[in-house]
Protein backbone atom coordinates (compact mmCIF):
# COMPACT_ATOMS: atom_id res chain seq x y z
CA MET A 1 94.42 92.42 106.37
CA ALA A 2 94.18 89.75 103.69
CA HIS A 3 90.91 89.41 101.78
CA PRO A 4 91.19 86.39 99.42
CA HIS A 5 87.50 86.49 98.46
CA LEU A 6 87.13 90.19 97.78
CA ARG A 7 86.52 90.96 94.12
CA PRO A 8 88.85 93.49 92.40
CA ALA A 9 85.89 95.79 91.69
CA ASP A 10 84.90 95.77 95.35
CA ARG A 11 88.47 96.40 96.43
CA ASP A 12 88.73 99.38 94.11
CA ALA A 13 85.53 100.83 95.56
CA ALA A 14 86.77 100.28 99.11
CA LYS A 15 90.04 102.05 98.35
CA GLY A 16 88.23 105.09 97.07
CA GLN A 17 89.27 104.98 93.42
CA ARG A 18 88.03 107.93 91.40
CA ALA A 19 87.27 107.19 87.76
CA GLY A 20 89.12 109.19 85.16
CA ASN A 21 92.04 110.24 87.33
CA GLY A 22 94.72 107.91 86.01
CA PRO A 23 96.59 105.73 88.45
CA ALA A 24 96.26 108.05 91.42
CA ARG A 25 93.96 107.22 94.28
CA GLN A 26 92.84 110.44 95.85
CA GLY A 27 91.83 110.20 99.49
CA GLY A 28 91.26 112.11 102.69
CA ASP A 29 92.94 109.61 105.04
CA GLY A 30 96.45 110.26 103.74
CA CYS A 31 95.72 113.99 103.71
CA ALA A 32 94.70 113.97 107.39
CA GLU A 33 97.72 111.87 108.33
CA SER A 34 100.05 114.29 106.54
CA VAL A 35 98.49 117.25 108.40
CA CYS A 36 99.15 115.59 111.78
CA GLU A 37 102.72 114.65 110.83
CA GLU A 38 103.60 118.15 109.61
CA VAL A 39 102.03 119.77 112.69
CA PHE A 40 104.15 117.50 114.89
CA LEU A 41 107.34 118.19 112.92
CA ARG A 42 106.82 121.96 112.95
CA ARG A 43 106.25 121.95 116.71
CA LYS A 44 109.08 119.59 117.66
CA SER A 45 111.83 120.83 115.33
CA GLU A 46 113.60 123.35 117.50
CA PRO A 47 117.02 124.85 116.73
CA GLY A 48 119.88 122.65 117.96
CA GLU A 49 117.82 119.45 118.13
CA PRO A 50 118.87 116.54 115.88
CA ALA A 51 116.81 116.49 112.69
CA GLY A 52 116.33 113.56 110.31
CA THR A 53 116.47 115.45 107.00
CA GLY A 54 119.99 114.57 105.87
CA PHE A 55 119.67 111.03 107.19
CA ALA A 56 116.35 110.55 105.40
CA ASN A 57 117.87 111.76 102.13
CA GLY A 58 120.73 109.29 102.52
CA ASP A 59 118.55 106.29 103.25
CA ASP A 60 116.13 107.23 100.44
CA MET A 61 119.05 107.19 98.01
CA MET A 62 120.27 103.81 99.25
CA ARG A 63 116.82 102.25 98.91
CA PHE A 64 116.48 103.80 95.45
CA LEU A 65 119.80 102.26 94.36
CA LEU A 66 118.91 98.84 95.77
CA PHE A 67 115.41 98.60 94.36
CA MET A 68 115.56 100.42 91.05
CA PRO A 69 118.77 100.07 89.00
CA GLN A 70 120.21 96.88 90.45
CA ILE A 71 117.36 94.45 91.03
CA ASN A 72 114.63 95.67 88.65
CA ARG A 73 116.62 97.22 85.82
CA GLY A 74 114.86 96.88 82.47
CA THR A 75 111.64 95.39 83.88
CA ASP A 76 108.12 96.77 84.15
CA ASN A 77 108.57 96.64 87.93
CA MET A 78 110.39 99.98 87.72
CA ASN A 79 107.09 101.78 88.25
CA GLY A 80 107.29 100.66 91.88
CA TRP A 81 110.69 102.24 92.55
CA ALA A 82 109.24 104.46 95.33
CA ILE A 83 107.63 101.64 97.33
CA PRO A 84 110.50 101.29 99.87
CA MET A 85 110.52 105.05 100.60
CA ALA A 86 108.30 105.34 103.65
CA THR A 87 108.77 104.55 107.35
CA ASP A 88 105.69 103.69 109.40
CA ILE A 89 105.97 105.93 112.45
CA ALA A 90 103.32 104.12 114.51
CA PHE A 91 104.84 100.63 114.21
CA THR A 92 108.45 101.86 114.44
CA LEU A 93 107.86 103.75 117.69
CA GLY A 94 105.54 101.01 118.93
CA VAL A 95 108.28 98.39 118.72
CA ALA A 96 110.82 100.78 120.26
CA SER A 97 108.39 101.48 123.12
CA LEU A 98 108.13 97.76 123.89
CA LEU A 99 111.73 97.93 125.08
CA GLY A 100 110.93 100.77 127.48
CA LYS A 101 113.96 102.52 128.97
CA LYS A 102 116.33 100.22 127.08
CA VAL A 103 115.83 102.53 124.09
CA PRO A 104 117.01 106.15 124.67
CA VAL A 105 114.34 108.83 124.33
CA SER A 106 116.62 110.72 121.92
CA LEU A 107 116.61 107.70 119.57
CA LYS A 108 112.81 107.72 119.58
CA ILE A 109 112.83 111.44 118.74
CA PHE A 110 115.32 110.76 115.94
CA LEU A 111 113.15 107.95 114.54
CA THR A 112 110.06 110.17 114.75
CA ALA A 113 111.71 112.96 112.75
CA LEU A 114 113.11 110.43 110.26
CA ALA A 115 109.73 108.74 109.76
CA ILE A 116 107.91 112.04 109.27
CA ILE A 117 110.43 113.31 106.73
CA ASP A 118 110.37 109.94 104.94
CA ASP A 119 106.59 110.12 104.67
CA LEU A 120 106.67 113.72 103.47
CA GLY A 121 109.20 112.69 100.82
CA ALA A 122 106.88 109.84 99.81
CA ILE A 123 103.97 112.28 99.54
CA MET A 124 105.99 114.54 97.24
CA VAL A 125 106.94 111.56 95.07
CA ILE A 126 103.26 110.56 94.87
CA ALA A 127 102.38 114.09 93.81
CA LEU A 128 105.08 114.25 91.12
CA PHE A 129 105.10 110.70 89.73
CA TYR A 130 101.77 109.08 90.57
CA GLY A 131 99.30 111.88 89.90
CA GLY A 132 96.87 112.34 87.03
CA HIS A 133 96.78 114.89 84.21
CA LEU A 134 97.20 118.44 85.48
CA LYS A 135 94.18 120.75 85.41
CA TRP A 136 95.56 124.26 85.70
CA ILE A 137 92.30 126.00 86.63
CA TYR A 138 92.15 123.99 89.87
CA LEU A 139 95.83 124.71 90.56
CA VAL A 140 95.14 128.44 90.18
CA PHE A 141 92.29 128.24 92.70
CA ALA A 142 94.53 126.21 95.05
CA ALA A 143 97.18 128.94 94.83
CA LEU A 144 94.60 131.63 95.66
CA ILE A 145 93.37 129.67 98.68
CA LEU A 146 96.96 129.17 99.83
CA ALA A 147 97.61 132.93 99.47
CA ILE A 148 94.60 133.73 101.68
CA MET A 149 95.79 131.23 104.31
CA PHE A 150 99.28 132.70 104.21
CA ILE A 151 97.85 136.19 104.84
CA LEU A 152 95.87 134.84 107.81
CA GLN A 153 99.03 133.27 109.17
CA ARG A 154 100.96 136.55 108.82
CA GLN A 155 98.17 138.31 110.70
CA LYS A 156 98.52 135.67 113.46
CA LYS A 157 94.82 134.89 113.32
CA SER A 158 93.99 131.98 115.63
CA PHE A 159 92.91 128.71 114.04
CA GLY A 160 89.15 128.64 113.53
CA MET A 161 86.28 127.82 111.19
CA ILE A 162 87.72 129.94 108.36
CA HIS A 163 90.85 127.74 108.32
CA ILE A 164 88.73 124.58 108.24
CA ILE A 165 86.67 125.88 105.29
CA LEU A 166 89.78 127.00 103.42
CA GLY A 167 91.44 123.65 104.16
CA LEU A 168 88.49 121.75 102.69
CA LEU A 169 88.52 123.98 99.61
CA LEU A 170 92.28 123.43 99.26
CA TRP A 171 91.77 119.67 99.45
CA TYR A 172 88.97 119.83 96.84
CA THR A 173 91.06 121.85 94.37
CA MET A 174 94.05 119.54 94.82
CA PHE A 175 91.75 116.54 94.49
CA ASN A 176 90.66 117.74 91.05
CA SER A 177 93.96 119.25 89.87
CA GLY A 178 95.75 115.99 89.07
CA ILE A 179 98.18 116.39 92.00
CA HIS A 180 97.53 113.85 94.73
CA ALA A 181 95.31 115.21 97.50
CA THR A 182 97.74 114.21 100.28
CA VAL A 183 99.86 117.21 99.24
CA ALA A 184 97.02 119.45 100.44
CA GLY A 185 97.57 118.14 103.96
CA VAL A 186 101.26 119.08 103.93
CA ILE A 187 100.58 122.56 102.50
CA PHE A 188 97.73 123.16 104.96
CA ALA A 189 99.94 122.30 107.94
CA PHE A 190 102.60 124.77 106.80
CA VAL A 191 100.17 127.69 106.93
CA ILE A 192 98.52 126.88 110.25
CA PRO A 193 99.16 129.69 112.77
CA ALA A 194 102.13 128.78 114.98
CA ASN A 195 100.22 129.61 118.18
CA SER A 196 97.70 126.85 117.39
CA LEU A 197 100.11 123.97 116.71
CA GLU A 198 100.24 122.45 120.21
CA ARG A 199 96.47 122.60 120.65
CA LEU A 200 95.89 121.07 117.19
CA GLU A 201 98.37 118.27 117.80
CA ALA A 202 96.52 117.28 120.96
CA LYS A 203 93.14 117.35 119.18
CA LEU A 204 94.34 115.45 116.10
CA HIS A 205 96.20 112.73 117.98
CA LEU A 206 93.29 110.46 118.93
CA PRO A 207 91.20 110.62 115.72
CA VAL A 208 94.24 110.31 113.44
CA TYR A 209 96.01 107.44 115.20
CA PHE A 210 92.95 105.48 116.32
CA PHE A 211 90.61 106.01 113.36
CA ILE A 212 92.10 107.62 110.24
CA ILE A 213 95.35 105.63 110.06
CA PRO A 214 93.67 102.23 110.72
CA VAL A 215 91.03 102.96 108.04
CA PHE A 216 93.77 104.18 105.68
CA ALA A 217 95.79 101.00 106.27
CA LEU A 218 92.89 98.58 105.93
CA ALA A 219 91.55 100.25 102.78
CA ASN A 220 94.90 99.86 101.03
CA THR A 221 96.08 96.53 102.43
CA ALA A 222 93.36 94.30 100.95
CA ILE A 223 95.36 91.45 99.38
CA THR A 224 93.95 88.75 97.12
CA ILE A 225 96.08 85.67 97.78
CA SER A 226 95.52 83.46 94.74
CA LYS A 227 97.55 80.80 92.97
CA ASP A 228 98.85 83.40 90.52
CA THR A 229 99.89 85.69 93.38
CA ILE A 230 101.91 82.90 95.00
CA GLU A 231 103.49 81.93 91.67
CA SER A 232 104.43 85.57 91.00
CA PHE A 233 105.86 86.10 94.48
CA ASN A 234 109.40 84.86 93.71
CA SER A 235 110.25 87.82 91.48
CA THR A 236 112.60 90.79 91.28
CA LEU A 237 109.71 92.97 92.50
CA THR A 238 109.51 91.01 95.75
CA TRP A 239 113.24 90.93 96.38
CA GLY A 240 113.65 94.57 95.38
CA ILE A 241 111.11 95.72 97.98
CA ILE A 242 112.52 93.47 100.71
CA ALA A 243 116.09 94.55 99.93
CA GLY A 244 115.09 98.21 99.86
CA LEU A 245 113.38 98.11 103.25
CA CYS A 246 115.46 95.52 105.15
CA ILE A 247 118.93 96.32 103.76
CA GLY A 248 118.68 99.78 102.18
CA LYS A 249 117.17 101.37 105.29
CA PRO A 250 119.87 100.54 107.87
CA LEU A 251 122.69 100.96 105.32
CA GLY A 252 121.40 104.34 104.17
CA ILE A 253 120.70 105.72 107.64
CA CYS A 254 123.87 104.44 109.33
CA GLY A 255 126.08 105.23 106.34
CA THR A 256 124.82 108.80 106.12
CA VAL A 257 125.10 109.37 109.89
CA TYR A 258 128.62 107.94 109.92
CA TYR A 259 129.69 110.26 107.08
CA LEU A 260 128.17 113.34 108.73
CA VAL A 261 129.68 112.50 112.13
CA LYS A 262 133.09 111.77 110.61
CA LYS A 263 133.00 115.13 108.82
CA ARG A 264 131.92 116.74 112.12
CA TRP A 265 128.81 118.18 110.47
CA ALA A 266 126.62 116.37 113.01
CA LYS A 267 126.86 114.26 116.14
CA LEU A 268 124.93 111.32 117.51
CA PRO A 269 121.86 112.22 119.58
CA HIS A 270 122.49 112.34 123.32
CA GLY A 271 122.66 108.87 124.87
CA VAL A 272 122.55 107.08 121.50
CA SER A 273 125.37 104.66 120.65
CA TRP A 274 126.17 103.21 117.24
CA GLN A 275 124.53 99.97 118.38
CA HIS A 276 121.34 101.90 119.09
CA LEU A 277 121.54 103.64 115.74
CA ILE A 278 121.89 100.39 113.81
CA GLY A 279 118.86 98.99 115.64
CA GLY A 280 116.90 102.16 114.87
CA GLY A 281 117.93 101.90 111.22
CA ILE A 282 116.64 98.33 111.09
CA LEU A 283 113.34 99.37 112.69
CA ALA A 284 112.98 102.12 110.09
CA GLY A 285 112.53 99.34 107.52
CA ILE A 286 108.94 98.99 108.71
CA GLY A 287 107.22 100.53 105.70
CA PHE A 288 103.61 99.38 105.96
CA THR A 289 100.99 102.13 105.38
CA MET A 290 102.63 104.56 102.93
CA SER A 291 104.65 101.82 101.18
CA ILE A 292 101.47 99.84 100.60
CA PHE A 293 99.72 102.98 99.41
CA ILE A 294 102.47 103.63 96.84
CA ALA A 295 102.26 99.98 95.74
CA VAL A 296 98.53 100.46 95.08
CA LEU A 297 99.24 103.54 92.97
CA ALA A 298 102.20 102.01 91.12
CA PHE A 299 100.49 98.80 90.05
CA ASP A 300 96.83 99.83 90.05
CA ASN A 301 96.02 98.30 86.67
CA THR A 302 98.41 95.33 86.82
CA VAL A 303 96.82 91.99 87.70
CA HIS A 304 98.38 90.33 90.79
CA LYS A 305 101.40 92.69 90.83
CA ASP A 306 99.89 95.08 93.39
CA ASP A 307 99.11 92.11 95.66
CA VAL A 308 102.67 90.80 95.31
CA ALA A 309 104.04 94.28 96.12
CA LYS A 310 101.81 94.71 99.19
CA LEU A 311 102.61 91.22 100.46
CA SER A 312 106.33 91.98 100.02
CA VAL A 313 105.96 95.18 102.06
CA LEU A 314 104.25 93.26 104.87
CA ILE A 315 106.97 90.58 104.92
CA ALA A 316 109.78 93.15 104.82
CA SER A 317 108.09 95.14 107.61
CA PHE A 318 107.74 92.03 109.78
CA ILE A 319 111.42 91.13 109.23
CA SER A 320 112.49 94.67 110.15
CA MET A 321 110.20 94.66 113.18
CA LEU A 322 111.58 91.40 114.57
CA ALA A 323 115.23 92.05 113.67
CA GLY A 324 115.15 95.61 115.06
CA TYR A 325 113.57 94.50 118.32
CA LEU A 326 116.11 91.71 118.86
CA TRP A 327 119.05 93.96 117.92
CA LEU A 328 118.05 96.74 120.32
CA LYS A 329 117.38 94.25 123.09
CA LYS A 330 120.83 92.72 122.62
CA ALA A 331 122.43 96.17 122.37
CA ALA A 332 120.86 97.21 125.68
CA LYS A 333 122.32 94.12 127.41
CA ALA A 334 125.78 94.72 125.87
CA ILE A 335 125.84 98.35 127.04
CA HIS A 336 124.90 97.42 130.63
CA ILE A 337 127.53 94.68 130.90
C-alpha cells in the first residue's frame, strides 16, 4: 500500500485524475461500490428493522466537531474536515466475523447499515464540497436520463440492457457535470426495479468486493513516505483524523443510541448489549477506502499533506481494528461469565 518510489505524476495517473476538473477525481470504482451499497441497503431495509440513519448522523456530527472546529480551527487543514466521515464496511464486518458467534448477528446488521449510510453521506459531501465547476448542460441531460429510468421503474420493467446503457450515460453526464461521478451510482441504484435487487446483489457481490474495491483502495492509497512526510506527521491534521475516527466514532454512535433509547424513540437491536454496541462503535472507526479517497480530493495539490492524511487514516483504522476486536472479545467473555 505504500509506494515510496512512485513519482507524483505517476501516482496522479494511477488514481485516474482528469485534467481541468478541479480537485475532484472522477472514477468508476467508487461509482460501482456505491451502486452495490445502495442495492444492499434498499433490499435489507425492511420496516421494523433497526436502521443506522439517526446513529450515522450523530456520529458524523461528533467526528465533525472533533476534527474541524477544535483541533484544526484556523488552519489550512480545514479542507480535510470530511476525512473521518466514512466507515469501511469490508474491514469492519471482517473483524467482527473473526469473533464468530461471539458477535450477535443483529450487531453485524447494524454495522452494515451504519457503514452504508456513512459512505452515502461521504459521497454526498464529495459531490457538494469536492466537485468541480458545474456544467448545467450535462446536468440537464442527467436529469432527462434519470426521468427515463424512473418511468421504466414505474412500469416495473425488469433490469436489462436498456438500464445498463442508461446507467453508463448517467455516469458520463455526471462525470462531465462537475458533480462527482460516484453520485451517479447512488442515483442509479435508487431507480433500479425492485424485483431485480436480489438478483443484482448476488451478481455484483463478487466483482465489487474482490476486484473493484481492491483496485479502488490501491489506486488511492499510494503513499510517498519521505523525510518531509515524517516531519509533517506530528500535526493537527494527523491528530484531528485519528481523534475523529478513534474517539468521535464510538462517542457519536453510542451517545446518539443512548439518547434515542432513553427517549424511547428506539431500542437496542435484539441480542445486543451496551458492551457490544461500544465495541461496534470502536470498529466503525475503520475508515480506510472512502476516508483515503476524501483525503486525496481534499489535499490533491498540497505537497506531502495528502500522504500525511492517508497515513493518519491507516493508523487510525488499525487502532480501531485492534481496539474493537479486543473490546468485543472481552465483552463476550464478560457476558458468558
